[in-house]
Amino acid sequence: MSQNVSEFLIERLRQWGVYRIYGYPGDGINGIFGALRKANDNPRFIQTRHEEMAAFMACAHAKFTGEVGVCMATSGPGAIHLLNGLYDAKLDSQPVIAIVGQQKRVSLGSFYQQEVDLKTLFKDVSEYVQEIAHPHQMRTCIDVAFRTAMSRHCICTIIVPADVQEEPMEYDPPRVHGATYTGVGYAPPRIIPEEEDLRRAAEALNSGKKVAMLVGAGALHATDEVIETADVLGAGIAKALLGKAAVPDDIPHCTGSIGLLGTKPSWDMMMGCDTLLMVGTSFPYSEFLPKPGQARGVQIDRDGRRLSLRYPCEVNLHGDARLTLRALLPMLNYHKDRSFQQKIAEGMEQWWKMLEAQTNVSCNGVNPQRVFHELSPRLPDNVILCADSGSSTNWWARDIKIRRGMMASLSGNLATMGPGCPYAVAAKFAYPDRPVVASAGDGAMQMNGNNVLISVAKYWKEWKDPRTVFIVLNNHDLNQVTWEQRVLSGDAKFVGSQELPDFPYAQYASSLGLKGVKVEHDGEIGSALEEALSADRPCLVEVMSDPNYPPLPPHIKFEQAVHFWRSIYRGDPDKWQMMADSFKEMTATFVAQVTS
C-alpha cells in the first residue's frame, strides 16, 4: 500500500530506533497523529500536559539513555511552548529532535490564524531546522536531522505543514538532477587526541605536586578512568552538578560539588592547586577555579568549542573522556607524595561532620537541609535522582551522597525552573524497573510539577517498579531568588514577587490516586521518606520547610556579607528569623570545625 508523508515519517522514526515520542496534540499535526494511530504504539506517543514538559522529557530521555529524545507539537502556540525545554537540551548538549506542525502552504504569508515563522523561531535553538515543502524532502531531512543530533549532540527541528502531512509519499524520489538519496544509520567515532598532544598533557600533569580534577557530564561514562587518574596523580576530584553521578561520593578525595552550590573542600582544593585537569565539563563560574596563571591546565572535551573556555589551559585535548584518559594513563607517573590528596580527604571528613551539625539546627518549620541528609542513606542503590532549580538544589548538590549505579541530572546550564518532575517521568519510562526520586520547591511545583502529577496518575500502573517519589519543599517562597536578592543585591525580600499562595500538595497527590505524605516536624522526616520509598504507588512528600534557613555558599565573600546585612537594614520582612537561622547555622558550623 502507498504511504502518505506522515506514515513515512513514523516508519522512518522506527527505523532510527525511536520507540517513544513526548508531545501534545493539535490540528496542526492531525495528519501525523493519524499515522501514529495506525502505528499501534510503535513508536508510542506519551501525552504530556504541556508542550514544555514534552521537551523536558525528551531532554531527560537523552540524558539518561544516551539516545535521541523526540518531542512533538502542533503549529503556532504548541511549537512555541517547546522552546524552553529545547533550550535546556541545547545548553546541556543533548540530542533532541522536535517535530512540529505548520499551517498549510497555501495560507502561509497571509497572516493566517496561528501562522508563525517557525524557521526563524527555531533557528537559534536548533543546529538544523527545515520545513518540508515537498514530500520527497522528508526522507532527507529526517535522516540528516538524526545524524546531526547524534554527531553534534544538539537540537534539530523538522517543520511539517498540514497539507504536506497528507500528501502521497514514494519511498524513493525520482532519479533526476538535484535529487538526493539518504539512508538510516550512524556510528559514533572514537575521538582520541594525537599521541604528541597526550604526551604534552602528561608532562604538565606529571610536573604537578597539587593536582585538582574537575569532572562534568562528559565524564559520566568514564568513572573508572577518572578514579584511576586521580589515584595515579594523587589528585582530588570536584564535580560540576551535571557530573554528580560521575564519581561516587565514598571516594575520600572526592570533594563533591563545586561553585555556589558546592563544598568548601572543592573551593580549598581549587585555591590551593598548582595543576588543573578538567574532564568533560563546561562549569560556568570561573571564580571558583584557580586564578589564571596559578595552575598549569589540561582540559579534555568532545566539543572543541568548549576547550580553554573557563580557564586558560596549556594543553587542550579534543577527545572522548574515557578513551582519552585511557590513552593518557600509561604516560602518567605515580605521585608518591599523597599529602595534597590526604589534606583533601581530611577536609571532606570535616565537611561531612559540619553538614551533619547543620542538619540538627532547629528552625521555624522543618530544616530543609535535614531532608536531604536523611534521604541520602535511604536511597536505593539503583535510584535515578532528578532535581529542579531553586534553593532545594543546594541541599541536593551537597547532602546527597552518590553511590555507584545511581543516575542523577537536572537543568545544568539553563538552570530553568520546572524540569525536575518531567525529568522523573522520562526516567520512569526509560527505566520502568528502577526507583526515581525527584526534588523541587513549591515554586517549581506550581509552575509545572502539579500538572506532571496528572501524567504520573495516568501512566504509573504500567511501570514495573512503582516507586516514584516527589519531595516538595513547601515554604511559600520563591526561596532561591529571595536569597539572591539578599546576598547578591543587598536588597530586602520583595513580598509581592516572592510570596507564593498556599497549596495542599500532599492532599492533591492523594486526590489523583497517588500517595501523599505531609511532614511538619524534623522528627517526621525519616519515617515519611521510608513510607514513600516503600509505597505501592508514586508518592509525594510535602515538607513544610523554613524559608529563612540560609543556603550558605562554601566561601562567603566580604561583599556578600555586606549585602546580607544591608538587606536587614533595608527592612527585610523576615529579618529576625533570618538572623536567628543564620546565627544557628554558622554556630553549628563553627562548633563542628572546632571539635573535628
Protein backbone atom coordinates (compact mmCIF):
# COMPACT_ATOMS: atom_id res chain seq x y z
CA MET A 1 0.00 0.00 0.00
CA SER A 2 1.20 3.52 -0.73
CA GLN A 3 2.07 5.77 2.18
CA ASN A 4 1.42 9.40 2.83
CA VAL A 5 4.13 11.69 4.20
CA SER A 6 3.07 11.24 7.84
CA GLU A 7 3.08 7.45 7.60
CA PHE A 8 6.53 7.56 6.05
CA LEU A 9 7.72 9.86 8.85
CA ILE A 10 6.55 7.43 11.54
CA GLU A 11 8.13 4.49 9.73
CA ARG A 12 11.40 6.38 9.40
CA LEU A 13 11.39 7.21 13.12
CA ARG A 14 11.06 3.48 13.83
CA GLN A 15 13.99 2.76 11.55
CA TRP A 16 16.07 5.27 13.54
CA GLY A 17 15.25 3.39 16.73
CA VAL A 18 12.64 5.76 18.15
CA TYR A 19 10.16 3.94 20.39
CA ARG A 20 8.72 6.86 22.35
CA ILE A 21 7.56 10.37 21.44
CA TYR A 22 6.58 13.00 24.01
CA GLY A 23 4.06 15.62 22.99
CA TYR A 24 0.63 17.17 22.90
CA PRO A 25 -1.90 17.02 20.03
CA GLY A 26 -3.36 19.79 17.88
CA ASP A 27 -4.93 20.21 14.48
CA GLY A 28 -1.63 21.35 13.02
CA ILE A 29 -0.34 17.76 13.31
CA ASN A 30 -3.55 15.80 12.74
CA GLY A 31 -2.01 14.00 9.79
CA ILE A 32 0.92 12.79 11.89
CA PHE A 33 -1.43 11.65 14.65
CA GLY A 34 -3.40 9.69 12.10
CA ALA A 35 -0.20 7.86 11.21
CA LEU A 36 0.63 7.33 14.89
CA ARG A 37 -2.80 5.79 15.46
CA LYS A 38 -2.10 3.25 12.73
CA ALA A 39 1.36 2.51 14.16
CA ASN A 40 -0.05 0.57 17.14
CA ASP A 41 2.23 2.21 19.74
CA ASN A 42 5.37 1.71 17.67
CA PRO A 43 6.59 4.32 18.36
CA ARG A 44 4.45 5.11 21.38
CA PHE A 45 3.05 8.57 21.94
CA ILE A 46 3.21 9.84 25.54
CA GLN A 47 0.69 12.60 26.16
CA THR A 48 2.12 15.34 28.37
CA ARG A 49 0.12 18.14 29.98
CA HIS A 50 2.03 20.88 28.19
CA GLU A 51 4.48 21.04 25.29
CA GLU A 52 7.23 22.47 27.50
CA MET A 53 7.08 19.27 29.55
CA ALA A 54 7.32 17.20 26.36
CA ALA A 55 10.60 18.93 25.50
CA PHE A 56 11.89 18.49 29.08
CA MET A 57 11.06 14.78 28.89
CA ALA A 58 12.79 14.40 25.54
CA CYS A 59 15.86 16.11 27.03
CA ALA A 60 15.80 13.83 30.08
CA HIS A 61 15.41 10.77 27.86
CA ALA A 62 18.58 11.78 26.04
CA LYS A 63 20.42 12.44 29.32
CA PHE A 64 19.51 9.15 30.97
CA THR A 65 19.73 6.83 27.93
CA GLY A 66 22.23 8.43 25.56
CA GLU A 67 19.63 8.11 22.79
CA VAL A 68 17.96 10.82 20.76
CA GLY A 69 14.91 12.24 22.52
CA VAL A 70 11.91 13.11 20.37
CA CYS A 71 9.13 15.60 21.11
CA MET A 72 6.18 16.75 19.01
CA ALA A 73 3.89 19.78 18.98
CA THR A 74 1.28 21.40 16.82
CA SER A 75 1.74 24.61 14.90
CA GLY A 76 1.80 28.12 16.38
CA PRO A 77 1.40 28.12 20.17
CA GLY A 78 2.21 24.44 20.56
CA ALA A 79 5.52 24.86 18.79
CA ILE A 80 6.32 27.98 20.81
CA HIS A 81 5.75 26.09 24.06
CA LEU A 82 8.53 23.63 23.24
CA LEU A 83 11.26 26.23 23.31
CA ASN A 84 12.26 26.33 26.99
CA GLY A 85 12.71 22.56 27.17
CA LEU A 86 14.63 22.58 23.90
CA TYR A 87 16.96 25.28 25.21
CA ASP A 88 17.52 23.11 28.27
CA ALA A 89 18.68 20.33 25.95
CA LYS A 90 20.74 22.70 23.80
CA LEU A 91 22.66 24.23 26.68
CA ASP A 92 23.39 20.77 28.15
CA SER A 93 24.40 19.38 24.70
CA GLN A 94 21.72 16.72 24.44
CA PRO A 95 20.48 15.19 21.13
CA VAL A 96 16.79 16.03 20.73
CA ILE A 97 14.58 16.18 17.64
CA ALA A 98 11.46 18.35 17.62
CA ILE A 99 8.72 17.64 15.08
CA VAL A 100 6.24 20.50 14.74
CA GLY A 101 3.26 21.27 12.56
CA GLN A 102 2.64 24.34 10.42
CA GLN A 103 -0.32 25.89 8.61
CA LYS A 104 -1.00 24.72 5.06
CA ARG A 105 1.42 26.04 2.48
CA VAL A 106 -1.35 27.81 0.58
CA SER A 107 -2.10 30.01 3.63
CA LEU A 108 1.47 30.93 4.55
CA GLY A 109 2.16 34.62 4.17
CA SER A 110 -1.49 35.61 4.58
CA PHE A 111 -1.36 36.44 8.31
CA TYR A 112 -3.38 33.26 8.84
CA GLN A 113 -4.53 32.07 12.25
CA GLN A 114 -1.62 30.57 14.27
CA GLU A 115 0.80 31.35 11.44
CA VAL A 116 4.24 31.76 12.99
CA ASP A 117 7.60 31.96 11.21
CA LEU A 118 8.79 28.71 12.76
CA LYS A 119 12.06 28.51 10.82
CA THR A 120 13.12 31.82 12.35
CA LEU A 121 11.69 30.89 15.75
CA PHE A 122 13.66 27.64 15.97
CA LYS A 123 16.80 28.89 14.25
CA ASP A 124 18.73 29.73 17.43
CA VAL A 125 17.82 26.64 19.43
CA SER A 126 18.38 24.24 16.51
CA GLU A 127 21.59 23.21 14.80
CA TYR A 128 19.45 22.05 11.88
CA VAL A 129 15.93 23.31 11.10
CA GLN A 130 14.00 22.53 7.91
CA GLU A 131 10.44 23.00 6.72
CA ILE A 132 9.15 20.24 4.46
CA ALA A 133 7.93 21.86 1.24
CA HIS A 134 7.81 18.67 -0.84
CA PRO A 135 7.11 15.05 0.18
CA HIS A 136 10.46 13.81 -1.08
CA GLN A 137 12.25 16.15 1.33
CA MET A 138 11.03 14.14 4.32
CA ARG A 139 13.44 11.25 3.85
CA THR A 140 16.48 13.50 3.53
CA CYS A 141 15.54 15.89 6.32
CA ILE A 142 14.76 13.21 8.90
CA ASP A 143 17.97 11.33 8.11
CA VAL A 144 20.08 14.49 8.27
CA ALA A 145 18.36 15.57 11.50
CA PHE A 146 19.16 12.32 13.29
CA ARG A 147 22.76 12.20 12.13
CA THR A 148 23.23 15.85 13.08
CA ALA A 149 21.67 15.40 16.53
CA MET A 150 23.79 12.31 17.19
CA SER A 151 27.08 13.68 15.91
CA ARG A 152 26.76 17.25 17.23
CA HIS A 153 24.75 16.49 20.42
CA CYS A 154 22.29 19.20 19.51
CA ILE A 155 18.69 20.11 18.70
CA CYS A 156 17.21 19.54 15.25
CA THR A 157 13.74 20.68 14.20
CA ILE A 158 11.53 19.38 11.38
CA ILE A 159 8.53 21.55 10.43
CA VAL A 160 5.74 19.79 8.54
CA PRO A 161 2.90 21.89 7.03
CA ALA A 162 -0.55 20.35 7.49
CA ASP A 163 -1.19 19.77 3.78
CA VAL A 164 2.22 18.11 3.25
CA GLN A 165 1.39 15.62 6.01
CA GLU A 166 -1.44 14.15 3.91
CA GLU A 167 0.32 14.06 0.54
CA PRO A 168 1.25 10.73 -1.10
CA MET A 169 4.79 9.55 -0.46
CA GLU A 170 7.03 7.44 -2.59
CA TYR A 171 9.92 5.85 -0.73
CA ASP A 172 12.47 6.87 -3.37
CA PRO A 173 12.44 10.23 -5.13
CA PRO A 174 12.75 10.22 -8.94
CA ARG A 175 16.29 9.96 -10.24
CA VAL A 176 16.62 13.48 -11.56
CA HIS A 177 19.25 16.17 -11.23
CA GLY A 178 19.10 17.65 -7.72
CA ALA A 179 17.51 14.64 -6.02
CA THR A 180 19.27 13.13 -3.00
CA TYR A 181 19.15 9.59 -1.61
CA THR A 182 19.82 9.23 2.09
CA GLY A 183 19.94 6.22 4.38
CA VAL A 184 19.48 5.29 8.03
CA GLY A 185 22.35 4.74 10.46
CA TYR A 186 25.11 6.42 12.40
CA ALA A 187 28.19 5.01 14.13
CA PRO A 188 29.90 7.41 16.55
CA PRO A 189 33.65 7.80 16.05
CA ARG A 190 36.45 7.14 18.52
CA ILE A 191 37.75 10.61 19.29
CA ILE A 192 41.27 10.44 20.74
CA PRO A 193 43.90 13.21 20.60
CA GLU A 194 47.22 12.74 18.85
CA GLU A 195 49.95 10.98 20.87
CA GLU A 196 52.13 14.10 20.80
CA ASP A 197 49.37 16.11 22.49
CA LEU A 198 48.77 13.36 25.05
CA ARG A 199 52.46 13.47 25.95
CA ARG A 200 52.34 17.24 26.40
CA ALA A 201 49.37 16.78 28.71
CA ALA A 202 51.19 14.06 30.64
CA GLU A 203 54.23 16.29 31.10
CA ALA A 204 52.09 19.05 32.58
CA LEU A 205 50.23 16.66 34.90
CA ASN A 206 53.37 14.78 35.95
CA SER A 207 55.04 18.04 36.98
CA GLY A 208 52.24 18.96 39.36
CA LYS A 209 52.52 18.47 43.10
CA LYS A 210 48.96 19.55 43.91
CA VAL A 211 46.66 18.28 41.17
CA ALA A 212 42.95 19.11 41.14
CA MET A 213 40.43 17.46 38.82
CA LEU A 214 37.07 18.89 37.78
CA VAL A 215 34.71 16.49 36.02
CA GLY A 216 31.29 17.04 34.45
CA ALA A 217 28.63 15.24 32.44
CA GLY A 218 31.19 14.27 29.81
CA ALA A 219 32.84 12.02 32.40
CA LEU A 220 29.67 10.08 33.33
CA HIS A 221 30.85 7.09 31.28
CA ALA A 222 34.47 7.39 32.48
CA THR A 223 34.12 6.76 36.21
CA ASP A 224 36.85 4.12 36.45
CA GLU A 225 39.27 6.16 34.36
CA VAL A 226 38.67 9.32 36.44
CA ILE A 227 39.25 7.46 39.70
CA GLU A 228 42.39 5.76 38.37
CA THR A 229 43.79 9.06 37.08
CA ALA A 230 43.23 10.70 40.47
CA ASP A 231 44.88 7.76 42.18
CA VAL A 232 47.98 7.98 39.97
CA LEU A 233 48.31 11.76 40.31
CA GLY A 234 47.39 11.98 43.99
CA ALA A 235 44.61 14.34 42.93
CA GLY A 236 41.32 15.44 44.39
CA ILE A 237 38.12 15.30 42.32
CA ALA A 238 35.46 18.02 42.27
CA LYS A 239 32.23 17.58 40.31
CA ALA A 240 30.13 20.02 38.33
CA LEU A 241 26.42 19.48 39.01
CA LEU A 242 25.78 17.65 35.74
CA GLY A 243 28.62 15.30 36.67
CA LYS A 244 27.24 14.49 40.13
CA ALA A 245 26.95 10.79 39.26
CA ALA A 246 30.35 10.63 37.53
CA VAL A 247 32.24 9.72 40.71
CA PRO A 248 30.85 8.05 43.86
CA ASP A 249 30.98 10.22 46.96
CA ASP A 250 32.52 7.42 49.04
CA ILE A 251 35.86 8.19 47.36
CA PRO A 252 37.65 10.02 50.23
CA HIS A 253 39.31 12.59 47.97
CA CYS A 254 36.13 13.37 46.02
CA THR A 255 35.09 16.85 47.15
CA GLY A 256 31.57 16.74 45.70
CA SER A 257 30.02 19.73 44.01
CA ILE A 258 31.77 22.97 43.12
CA GLY A 259 30.51 26.54 42.88
CA LEU A 260 27.76 28.39 44.74
CA LEU A 261 26.07 25.05 45.45
CA GLY A 262 29.37 23.34 46.15
CA THR A 263 31.53 22.36 49.11
CA LYS A 264 34.28 24.16 50.97
CA PRO A 265 36.82 21.39 50.20
CA SER A 266 36.17 21.97 46.47
CA TRP A 267 36.90 25.67 46.98
CA ASP A 268 40.01 24.98 49.08
CA MET A 269 41.33 22.46 46.56
CA MET A 270 40.95 24.84 43.62
CA MET A 271 42.52 27.74 45.51
CA GLY A 272 45.48 25.58 46.57
CA CYS A 273 46.25 23.50 43.46
CA ASP A 274 49.16 24.00 41.08
CA THR A 275 47.71 21.84 38.29
CA LEU A 276 44.14 21.57 36.98
CA LEU A 277 42.71 18.71 34.89
CA MET A 278 39.21 19.40 33.54
CA VAL A 279 37.29 16.47 32.05
CA GLY A 280 34.01 16.82 30.17
CA THR A 281 32.73 19.94 31.85
CA SER A 282 31.52 23.41 30.90
CA PHE A 283 31.17 24.54 34.53
CA PRO A 284 30.43 28.27 34.09
CA TYR A 285 31.76 30.01 37.20
CA SER A 286 35.43 30.80 36.64
CA GLU A 287 35.74 32.49 40.04
CA PHE A 288 35.62 29.04 41.64
CA LEU A 289 38.57 27.83 39.56
CA PRO A 290 42.24 28.68 40.18
CA LYS A 291 43.35 32.18 39.31
CA PRO A 292 44.70 32.32 35.74
CA GLY A 293 48.41 31.53 35.88
CA GLN A 294 48.15 29.82 39.28
CA ALA A 295 47.90 26.32 37.81
CA ARG A 296 49.01 24.52 34.68
CA GLY A 297 45.83 23.49 32.93
CA VAL A 298 44.85 20.43 30.88
CA GLN A 299 41.34 20.01 29.51
CA ILE A 300 39.57 17.11 27.79
CA ASP A 301 36.29 17.67 25.93
CA ARG A 302 34.50 16.10 22.99
CA ASP A 303 33.40 19.58 21.86
CA GLY A 304 36.40 21.57 20.72
CA ARG A 305 34.50 24.84 21.22
CA ARG A 306 34.46 24.24 25.00
CA LEU A 307 38.25 23.97 25.37
CA SER A 308 40.02 26.76 27.31
CA LEU A 309 36.65 28.44 27.69
CA ARG A 310 36.60 28.85 31.51
CA TYR A 311 40.30 28.52 32.30
CA PRO A 312 43.31 29.20 30.03
CA CYS A 313 44.62 25.66 29.68
CA GLU A 314 48.11 24.87 28.48
CA VAL A 315 47.06 21.65 26.74
CA ASN A 316 43.62 21.27 25.15
CA LEU A 317 42.65 17.73 24.21
CA HIS A 318 39.73 17.27 21.84
CA GLY A 319 38.52 13.78 22.65
CA ASP A 320 36.14 11.42 24.39
CA ALA A 321 36.71 11.48 28.16
CA ARG A 322 37.02 7.73 28.72
CA LEU A 323 39.10 6.98 25.64
CA THR A 324 41.38 9.98 26.18
CA LEU A 325 42.02 9.18 29.84
CA ARG A 326 42.64 5.55 28.95
CA ALA A 327 45.25 6.62 26.38
CA LEU A 328 46.75 9.16 28.79
CA LEU A 329 47.08 6.91 31.85
CA PRO A 330 50.16 4.91 30.69
CA MET A 331 52.01 8.21 30.26
CA LEU A 332 51.35 9.42 33.81
CA ASN A 333 53.85 8.96 36.63
CA TYR A 334 52.66 7.72 40.00
CA HIS A 335 52.88 10.56 42.54
CA LYS A 336 54.34 9.19 45.74
CA ASP A 337 53.57 12.33 47.70
CA ARG A 338 49.98 11.95 48.93
CA SER A 339 49.93 14.98 51.22
CA PHE A 340 47.68 17.10 48.98
CA GLN A 341 45.21 14.28 48.46
CA GLN A 342 45.28 13.41 52.16
CA LYS A 343 44.56 17.02 53.07
CA ILE A 344 41.58 16.96 50.73
CA ALA A 345 40.27 13.75 52.31
CA GLU A 346 40.63 15.26 55.78
CA GLY A 347 38.77 18.34 54.60
CA MET A 348 35.91 16.19 53.30
CA GLU A 349 35.71 14.26 56.55
CA GLN A 350 35.35 17.56 58.39
CA TRP A 351 32.87 18.80 55.79
CA TRP A 352 30.51 15.84 56.29
CA LYS A 353 30.62 16.39 60.07
CA MET A 354 29.83 20.07 59.54
CA LEU A 355 26.85 19.24 57.30
CA GLU A 356 25.53 16.83 59.91
CA ALA A 357 25.79 19.53 62.55
CA GLN A 358 23.87 21.94 60.33
CA THR A 359 21.07 19.41 59.85
CA ASN A 360 20.48 19.39 63.60
CA VAL A 361 19.79 23.13 63.69
CA SER A 362 16.24 23.79 64.85
CA CYS A 363 14.19 26.00 62.57
CA ASN A 364 10.84 27.70 62.36
CA GLY A 365 9.49 24.75 60.41
CA VAL A 366 11.37 21.78 59.02
CA ASN A 367 15.12 22.17 58.44
CA PRO A 368 15.32 21.79 54.62
CA GLN A 369 18.91 20.54 54.69
CA ARG A 370 17.98 17.73 57.05
CA VAL A 371 15.52 16.35 54.50
CA PHE A 372 18.31 15.58 52.03
CA HIS A 373 20.70 14.48 54.75
CA GLU A 374 18.20 11.85 55.90
CA LEU A 375 17.23 10.93 52.34
CA SER A 376 20.78 10.10 51.25
CA PRO A 377 21.38 6.86 53.22
CA ARG A 378 17.85 5.64 52.48
CA LEU A 379 18.20 5.85 48.69
CA PRO A 380 18.03 2.52 46.80
CA ASP A 381 21.28 1.52 45.08
CA ASN A 382 19.96 1.93 41.53
CA VAL A 383 17.89 5.06 42.07
CA ILE A 384 17.61 7.83 39.47
CA LEU A 385 17.71 11.30 41.02
CA CYS A 386 16.17 14.38 39.43
CA ALA A 387 16.33 17.90 40.79
CA ASP A 388 14.67 21.17 39.97
CA SER A 389 16.21 24.64 40.17
CA GLY A 390 15.88 26.55 43.42
CA SER A 391 17.15 26.57 46.98
CA SER A 392 16.34 22.85 47.25
CA THR A 393 19.11 22.26 44.71
CA ASN A 394 21.68 23.48 47.26
CA TRP A 395 20.91 20.58 49.59
CA TRP A 396 20.52 18.11 46.69
CA ALA A 397 24.01 19.06 45.49
CA ARG A 398 25.74 18.96 48.88
CA ASP A 399 23.99 16.48 51.13
CA ILE A 400 23.14 13.55 48.86
CA LYS A 401 26.00 11.05 48.61
CA ILE A 402 26.05 9.39 45.19
CA ARG A 403 26.85 5.67 45.07
CA ARG A 404 27.86 3.56 42.09
CA GLY A 405 24.93 2.61 39.92
CA MET A 406 22.92 5.75 40.62
CA MET A 407 21.98 8.30 37.97
CA ALA A 408 21.38 11.99 38.60
CA SER A 409 20.56 15.02 36.49
CA LEU A 410 18.95 18.44 36.41
CA SER A 411 18.86 21.51 34.21
CA GLY A 412 22.53 22.44 34.24
CA ASN A 413 23.47 25.38 32.06
CA LEU A 414 19.97 26.78 31.55
CA ALA A 415 19.13 26.25 35.24
CA THR A 416 15.48 26.73 34.46
CA MET A 417 12.64 26.11 36.87
CA GLY A 418 10.22 23.32 36.07
CA PRO A 419 12.14 20.29 34.70
CA GLY A 420 12.53 18.21 37.89
CA CYS A 421 9.19 16.41 37.71
CA PRO A 422 9.14 15.98 33.89
CA TYR A 423 12.66 14.51 34.14
CA ALA A 424 11.33 11.98 36.65
CA VAL A 425 8.56 10.85 34.30
CA ALA A 426 11.00 10.40 31.42
CA ALA A 427 13.32 8.44 33.71
CA LYS A 428 10.47 6.09 34.65
CA PHE A 429 9.54 5.46 31.03
CA ALA A 430 13.18 4.80 30.14
CA TYR A 431 13.77 2.57 33.19
CA PRO A 432 10.39 1.36 34.50
CA ASP A 433 12.12 -1.14 36.80
CA ARG A 434 14.16 1.48 38.68
CA PRO A 435 13.06 3.80 41.51
CA VAL A 436 13.10 7.54 40.82
CA VAL A 437 13.29 10.39 43.34
CA ALA A 438 12.68 13.99 42.27
CA SER A 439 13.02 17.09 44.44
CA ALA A 440 11.55 20.53 43.87
CA GLY A 441 10.49 23.69 45.60
CA ASP A 442 6.90 24.83 45.79
CA GLY A 443 7.54 27.40 43.05
CA ALA A 444 8.55 24.70 40.56
CA MET A 445 5.63 22.53 41.64
CA GLN A 446 3.15 25.32 40.99
CA MET A 447 4.84 26.09 37.69
CA ASN A 448 4.96 22.55 36.21
CA GLY A 449 5.05 19.82 38.84
CA ASN A 450 1.38 19.75 39.79
CA ASN A 451 0.43 19.14 36.17
CA VAL A 452 3.09 16.47 35.77
CA LEU A 453 1.45 14.55 38.63
CA ILE A 454 -1.61 14.18 36.39
CA SER A 455 0.59 12.37 33.85
CA VAL A 456 2.03 10.23 36.63
CA ALA A 457 -1.50 9.25 37.65
CA LYS A 458 -2.27 8.38 34.04
CA TYR A 459 0.72 6.12 33.42
CA TRP A 460 2.22 4.82 36.69
CA LYS A 461 0.40 1.47 36.80
CA GLU A 462 2.37 0.24 33.80
CA TRP A 463 5.75 0.86 35.47
CA LYS A 464 7.28 -2.36 36.78
CA ASP A 465 8.63 -0.64 39.90
CA PRO A 466 6.03 1.91 41.01
CA ARG A 467 8.41 3.71 43.39
CA THR A 468 8.44 7.32 42.23
CA VAL A 469 8.95 9.89 44.97
CA PHE A 470 8.43 13.64 44.66
CA ILE A 471 9.86 15.69 47.53
CA VAL A 472 8.41 19.20 47.69
CA LEU A 473 9.82 21.89 49.99
CA ASN A 474 6.78 23.98 50.81
CA ASN A 475 7.93 27.30 52.26
CA HIS A 476 5.53 29.68 50.46
CA ASP A 477 8.52 31.48 48.97
CA LEU A 478 10.48 31.65 45.72
CA ASN A 479 13.38 30.99 48.01
CA GLN A 480 16.45 30.94 45.76
CA VAL A 481 15.60 34.33 44.30
CA THR A 482 14.81 35.68 47.78
CA TRP A 483 18.29 34.77 48.97
CA GLU A 484 19.83 36.12 45.76
CA GLN A 485 18.07 39.43 46.43
CA ARG A 486 19.53 39.47 49.93
CA VAL A 487 23.07 38.23 49.33
CA LEU A 488 23.84 39.30 45.76
CA SER A 489 21.90 42.58 45.62
CA GLY A 490 21.74 43.61 49.26
CA ASP A 491 18.03 44.12 48.89
CA ALA A 492 15.22 43.16 51.25
CA LYS A 493 12.79 40.42 50.31
CA PHE A 494 10.08 41.78 47.99
CA VAL A 495 6.97 40.03 49.27
CA GLY A 496 4.93 40.92 46.18
CA SER A 497 7.21 38.91 43.91
CA GLN A 498 8.40 36.21 46.29
CA GLU A 499 5.45 35.04 48.35
CA LEU A 500 3.62 32.01 46.94
CA PRO A 501 -0.01 31.06 47.52
CA ASP A 502 -0.61 28.08 49.74
CA PHE A 503 -1.39 24.77 48.07
CA PRO A 504 -2.07 21.34 49.64
CA TYR A 505 0.47 19.28 47.66
CA ALA A 506 0.14 16.00 49.59
CA GLN A 507 -3.64 16.24 49.61
CA TYR A 508 -3.62 16.99 45.88
CA ALA A 509 -1.46 13.93 45.16
CA SER A 510 -3.87 11.77 47.14
CA SER A 511 -6.80 13.18 45.16
CA LEU A 512 -5.12 11.88 41.98
CA GLY A 513 -4.89 8.36 43.40
CA LEU A 514 -1.24 8.74 44.37
CA LYS A 515 0.12 8.71 47.91
CA GLY A 516 0.58 11.95 49.80
CA VAL A 517 2.60 12.41 53.00
CA LYS A 518 2.99 15.68 54.89
CA VAL A 519 6.00 16.49 57.11
CA GLU A 520 5.64 19.30 59.64
CA HIS A 521 8.43 18.49 62.12
CA ASP A 522 12.05 17.36 61.80
CA GLY A 523 11.32 14.14 63.68
CA GLU A 524 8.87 13.05 60.97
CA ILE A 525 11.34 13.19 58.07
CA GLY A 526 12.84 9.70 58.33
CA SER A 527 9.57 7.79 58.67
CA ALA A 528 7.97 9.81 55.87
CA LEU A 529 10.83 9.04 53.48
CA GLU A 530 10.75 5.35 54.34
CA GLU A 531 6.99 5.29 53.80
CA ALA A 532 7.40 6.96 50.41
CA LEU A 533 10.24 4.68 49.27
CA SER A 534 8.26 1.54 50.17
CA ALA A 535 4.88 2.66 48.82
CA ASP A 536 2.99 0.63 46.25
CA ARG A 537 2.40 3.73 44.13
CA PRO A 538 4.07 7.07 43.42
CA CYS A 539 4.26 9.26 46.49
CA LEU A 540 4.59 12.98 47.12
CA VAL A 541 6.27 14.08 50.35
CA GLU A 542 5.29 17.63 51.25
CA VAL A 543 7.78 19.21 53.64
CA MET A 544 6.75 22.36 55.50
CA SER A 545 10.23 23.87 55.43
CA ASP A 546 11.72 27.05 56.86
CA PRO A 547 12.27 29.67 54.11
CA ASN A 548 14.78 31.60 56.23
CA TYR A 549 17.29 28.79 56.70
CA PRO A 550 20.19 30.14 54.59
CA PRO A 551 21.77 28.14 51.74
CA LEU A 552 25.24 29.43 52.62
CA PRO A 553 27.83 29.31 49.80
CA PRO A 554 31.04 27.37 50.50
CA HIS A 555 33.04 30.58 50.60
CA ILE A 556 31.40 33.79 51.81
CA LYS A 557 32.88 36.86 50.18
CA PHE A 558 33.08 40.18 52.02
CA GLU A 559 30.63 41.89 49.66
CA GLN A 560 28.12 39.05 50.17
CA ALA A 561 28.26 39.58 53.95
CA VAL A 562 27.80 43.32 53.41
CA HIS A 563 24.78 42.69 51.16
CA PHE A 564 23.28 40.33 53.73
CA TRP A 565 23.41 42.95 56.48
CA ARG A 566 22.25 45.65 54.06
CA SER A 567 19.11 43.62 53.30
CA ILE A 568 18.39 43.50 57.03
CA TYR A 569 18.98 47.24 57.35
CA ARG A 570 16.55 47.84 54.48
CA GLY A 571 13.79 46.13 56.43
CA ASP A 572 13.57 42.55 55.22
CA PRO A 573 10.20 41.30 56.50
CA ASP A 574 11.78 38.08 57.80
CA LYS A 575 14.91 39.69 59.25
CA TRP A 576 14.58 38.38 62.83
CA GLN A 577 14.02 34.77 61.80
CA MET A 578 16.65 35.12 59.06
CA MET A 579 19.24 36.36 61.55
CA ALA A 580 18.31 33.64 64.05
CA ASP A 581 18.58 30.84 61.50
CA SER A 582 21.83 32.21 60.07
CA PHE A 583 23.36 32.52 63.54
CA LYS A 584 22.35 28.94 64.41
CA GLU A 585 23.78 27.54 61.18
CA MET A 586 27.06 29.43 61.48
CA THR A 587 27.35 28.42 65.16
CA ALA A 588 26.81 24.76 64.26
CA THR A 589 29.43 25.09 61.54
CA PHE A 590 31.94 26.68 63.91
CA VAL A 591 31.39 24.06 66.65
CA ALA A 592 31.80 21.23 64.12
CA GLN A 593 35.08 22.73 62.90
CA VAL A 594 36.44 23.22 66.43
CA THR A 595 35.55 19.72 67.59
CA SER A 596 36.90 17.96 64.47
